[in-house]
Amino acid sequence: MIILNSSLRRIFLLIKLIVIGLVALLLMGLISLNQPVFAEVTKFEQPGEIIYRSQHSLSDQSGHTWQVIMFKSVRPGAQDNIPLLYLRVIGLPGAAEVGHPMQLKITTNTGKIFTAADIFLEEAPAPTVGQYNLQDLDADMLRDEVLLSIPLPGSRYVNLEIPQSVVREWQEVVNQAVRS
């Protein structure tokens, strides 16, 4: 009986240490239960074109997951070397259908609103896909977190909060293309 008590105490002590260690990691932010996985800006080179891209999975206010992809296309050496900037949103299963042709709204934390034109005027590749032209986006809007309002049929919107870390990546996409 004494041996059993000693073994049980050691097991409970070990479990207690593991739990304390996990709580400490959570508090230090090394483990996250509710944050998006942060990616990095990726560069794709094709003949005559360079694409810079930032891609994240984010949840809307209803908990549905969306892929949010900002990308810029640069054509070095082309006569009209004007970079093209787009934001694509893809609703994963269970997400709402995107309304076409309606504008995307980007709202800063100061209340400034930018609208972006839908490029799928006729037909989108799938009902939960939208792509928007950000060519005229004021780069100063990309300072802090922003709110994306994705259009739905019937003049409704679903909102995605874009954290500052993702906005910083978007700035990097914009700035990388400028240096090309």
Protein backbone atom coordinates (compact mmCIF):
# COMPACT_ATOMS: atom_id res chain seq x y z
CA MET A 1 0.00 0.00 0.00
CA ILE A 2 2.86 2.39 0.74
CA ILE A 3 4.43 1.62 -2.67
CA LEU A 4 1.13 2.30 -4.44
CA ASN A 5 0.69 5.64 -2.67
CA SER A 6 4.22 6.66 -3.60
CA SER A 7 3.66 5.74 -7.27
CA LEU A 8 0.35 7.59 -7.41
CA ARG A 9 1.95 10.68 -5.86
CA ARG A 10 4.67 10.66 -8.50
CA ILE A 11 2.10 10.32 -11.32
CA PHE A 12 -0.01 13.17 -9.93
CA LEU A 13 3.09 15.31 -9.51
CA LEU A 14 4.10 14.63 -13.12
CA ILE A 15 0.60 15.50 -14.38
CA LYS A 16 0.61 18.66 -12.28
CA LEU A 17 3.97 19.73 -13.75
CA ILE A 18 2.74 19.11 -17.31
CA VAL A 19 -0.41 21.16 -16.72
CA ILE A 20 1.60 24.02 -15.16
CA GLY A 21 3.99 23.93 -18.13
CA LEU A 22 1.13 24.10 -20.67
CA VAL A 23 -0.51 26.98 -18.79
CA ALA A 24 2.82 28.84 -18.75
CA LEU A 25 3.22 28.34 -22.52
CA LEU A 26 -0.31 29.63 -23.12
CA LEU A 27 0.36 32.70 -21.02
CA MET A 28 3.62 33.41 -22.84
CA GLY A 29 1.80 33.15 -26.17
CA LEU A 30 3.85 30.27 -27.50
CA ILE A 31 0.70 28.18 -27.86
CA SER A 32 -2.40 29.82 -29.25
CA LEU A 33 -5.92 28.44 -29.09
CA ASN A 34 -7.74 31.13 -31.04
CA GLN A 35 -5.28 32.97 -33.31
CA PRO A 36 -4.92 32.46 -37.04
CA VAL A 37 -1.83 30.68 -38.28
CA PHE A 38 0.47 33.36 -39.62
CA ALA A 39 2.04 32.79 -42.97
CA GLU A 40 4.58 34.83 -44.82
CA VAL A 41 4.68 36.61 -48.11
CA THR A 42 5.49 34.16 -50.87
CA LYS A 43 6.93 34.97 -54.26
CA PHE A 44 6.09 33.01 -57.41
CA GLU A 45 8.02 33.59 -60.62
CA GLN A 46 6.68 32.64 -64.00
CA PRO A 47 7.94 33.66 -67.43
CA GLY A 48 7.17 37.38 -67.69
CA GLU A 49 5.42 37.68 -64.32
CA ILE A 50 6.17 37.78 -60.60
CA ILE A 51 3.39 37.25 -58.06
CA TYR A 52 3.67 38.23 -54.40
CA ARG A 53 1.07 36.66 -52.14
CA SER A 54 -0.12 36.62 -48.52
CA GLN A 55 -2.67 33.94 -47.61
CA HIS A 56 -4.51 33.37 -44.32
CA SER A 57 -7.47 31.46 -42.94
CA LEU A 58 -9.71 33.70 -40.85
CA SER A 59 -13.13 33.30 -39.27
CA ASP A 60 -16.14 35.55 -39.74
CA GLN A 61 -18.47 36.65 -36.93
CA SER A 62 -20.44 33.38 -37.33
CA GLY A 63 -17.34 31.19 -37.02
CA HIS A 64 -17.16 30.21 -40.71
CA THR A 65 -13.66 30.01 -42.18
CA TRP A 66 -12.51 32.05 -45.16
CA GLN A 67 -9.23 32.01 -47.07
CA VAL A 68 -8.10 35.61 -47.56
CA ILE A 69 -5.42 36.07 -50.21
CA MET A 70 -3.83 39.38 -51.16
CA PHE A 71 -1.68 39.15 -54.25
CA LYS A 72 0.12 41.48 -56.59
CA SER A 73 1.16 40.69 -60.13
CA VAL A 74 4.19 42.45 -61.60
CA ARG A 75 5.37 42.12 -65.19
CA PRO A 76 9.00 43.25 -65.26
CA GLY A 77 10.09 44.60 -68.60
CA ALA A 78 6.55 45.02 -69.92
CA GLN A 79 5.71 48.39 -71.47
CA ASP A 80 2.72 48.80 -69.16
CA ASN A 81 4.58 47.58 -66.05
CA ILE A 82 1.70 48.60 -63.77
CA PRO A 83 1.43 46.14 -60.87
CA LEU A 84 -2.04 44.66 -60.35
CA LEU A 85 -3.26 44.29 -56.75
CA TYR A 86 -6.15 41.97 -55.80
CA LEU A 87 -7.82 40.51 -52.74
CA ARG A 88 -9.46 37.12 -53.14
CA VAL A 89 -11.80 35.66 -50.52
CA ILE A 90 -12.80 32.01 -50.57
CA GLY A 91 -15.46 30.76 -48.21
CA LEU A 92 -14.75 27.24 -47.00
CA PRO A 93 -17.62 24.74 -46.56
CA GLY A 94 -20.46 26.28 -44.59
CA ALA A 95 -19.52 29.87 -45.46
CA ALA A 96 -22.02 32.18 -47.12
CA GLU A 97 -22.34 32.68 -50.85
CA VAL A 98 -20.59 35.85 -52.09
CA GLY A 99 -22.79 38.45 -53.78
CA HIS A 100 -21.81 39.48 -57.32
CA PRO A 101 -21.24 42.08 -58.65
CA MET A 102 -21.01 43.97 -55.36
CA GLN A 103 -18.15 45.91 -53.80
CA LEU A 104 -15.99 44.75 -50.92
CA LYS A 105 -15.73 47.22 -48.03
CA ILE A 106 -12.52 47.72 -46.04
CA THR A 107 -12.98 49.74 -42.84
CA THR A 108 -10.07 51.02 -40.76
CA ASN A 109 -10.18 51.30 -36.98
CA THR A 110 -10.62 55.08 -37.46
CA GLY A 111 -13.80 54.50 -39.48
CA LYS A 112 -12.39 55.32 -42.94
CA ILE A 113 -14.02 53.11 -45.59
CA PHE A 114 -12.47 51.97 -48.88
CA THR A 115 -14.52 50.07 -51.46
CA ALA A 116 -13.06 47.65 -53.97
CA ALA A 117 -14.71 46.61 -57.24
CA ASP A 118 -15.71 43.00 -57.82
CA ILE A 119 -13.82 41.59 -60.81
CA PHE A 120 -16.25 38.66 -61.22
CA LEU A 121 -18.97 40.74 -62.88
CA GLU A 122 -20.42 37.87 -64.88
CA GLU A 123 -19.69 34.66 -63.00
CA ALA A 124 -17.35 33.58 -60.19
CA PRO A 125 -15.44 30.28 -60.31
CA ALA A 126 -17.53 29.12 -57.30
CA PRO A 127 -20.41 30.63 -55.29
CA THR A 128 -18.20 31.27 -52.25
CA VAL A 129 -15.39 33.02 -54.15
CA GLY A 130 -14.91 36.75 -54.59
CA GLN A 131 -12.02 38.72 -56.03
CA TYR A 132 -11.63 42.47 -55.71
CA ASN A 133 -9.46 45.07 -57.43
CA LEU A 134 -7.35 46.97 -54.88
CA GLN A 135 -5.47 49.00 -57.48
CA ASP A 136 -6.71 52.28 -56.00
CA LEU A 137 -6.21 51.27 -52.36
CA ASP A 138 -4.71 54.04 -50.25
CA ALA A 139 -1.63 52.35 -48.73
CA ASP A 140 -2.06 54.53 -45.64
CA MET A 141 -5.17 52.50 -44.81
CA LEU A 142 -2.94 49.51 -44.16
CA ARG A 143 -1.57 50.64 -40.80
CA ASP A 144 -3.62 48.79 -38.18
CA GLU A 145 -6.22 46.08 -38.13
CA VAL A 146 -9.06 46.47 -40.61
CA LEU A 147 -12.55 45.04 -41.06
CA LEU A 148 -13.41 43.35 -44.36
CA SER A 149 -17.10 43.38 -45.21
CA ILE A 150 -17.70 40.70 -47.82
CA PRO A 151 -20.87 41.26 -49.84
CA LEU A 152 -23.62 38.65 -49.72
CA PRO A 153 -26.71 38.38 -51.91
CA GLY A 154 -29.49 40.76 -50.87
CA SER A 155 -27.24 43.71 -49.92
CA ARG A 156 -26.00 42.02 -46.74
CA TYR A 157 -22.38 41.62 -45.60
CA VAL A 158 -20.32 39.17 -43.55
CA ASN A 159 -17.42 40.65 -41.59
CA LEU A 160 -13.85 39.43 -41.17
CA GLU A 161 -11.55 41.13 -38.67
CA ILE A 162 -8.07 41.34 -40.16
CA PRO A 163 -5.43 41.50 -37.40
CA GLN A 164 -2.54 43.94 -37.54
CA SER A 165 -0.02 41.16 -38.23
CA VAL A 166 -1.88 40.22 -41.44
CA VAL A 167 -2.18 43.90 -42.42
CA ARG A 168 1.61 44.18 -42.02
CA GLU A 169 2.00 41.28 -44.46
CA TRP A 170 -0.28 43.07 -46.88
CA GLN A 171 1.97 46.11 -46.63
CA GLU A 172 4.89 43.85 -47.46
CA VAL A 173 3.07 42.55 -50.55
CA VAL A 174 2.48 46.12 -51.72
CA ASN A 175 6.06 47.22 -50.98
CA GLN A 176 7.73 44.14 -52.53
CA ALA A 177 6.02 44.79 -55.81
CA VAL A 178 7.10 48.44 -55.78
CA ARG A 179 10.76 47.37 -55.55
CA SER A 180 10.51 44.99 -58.50
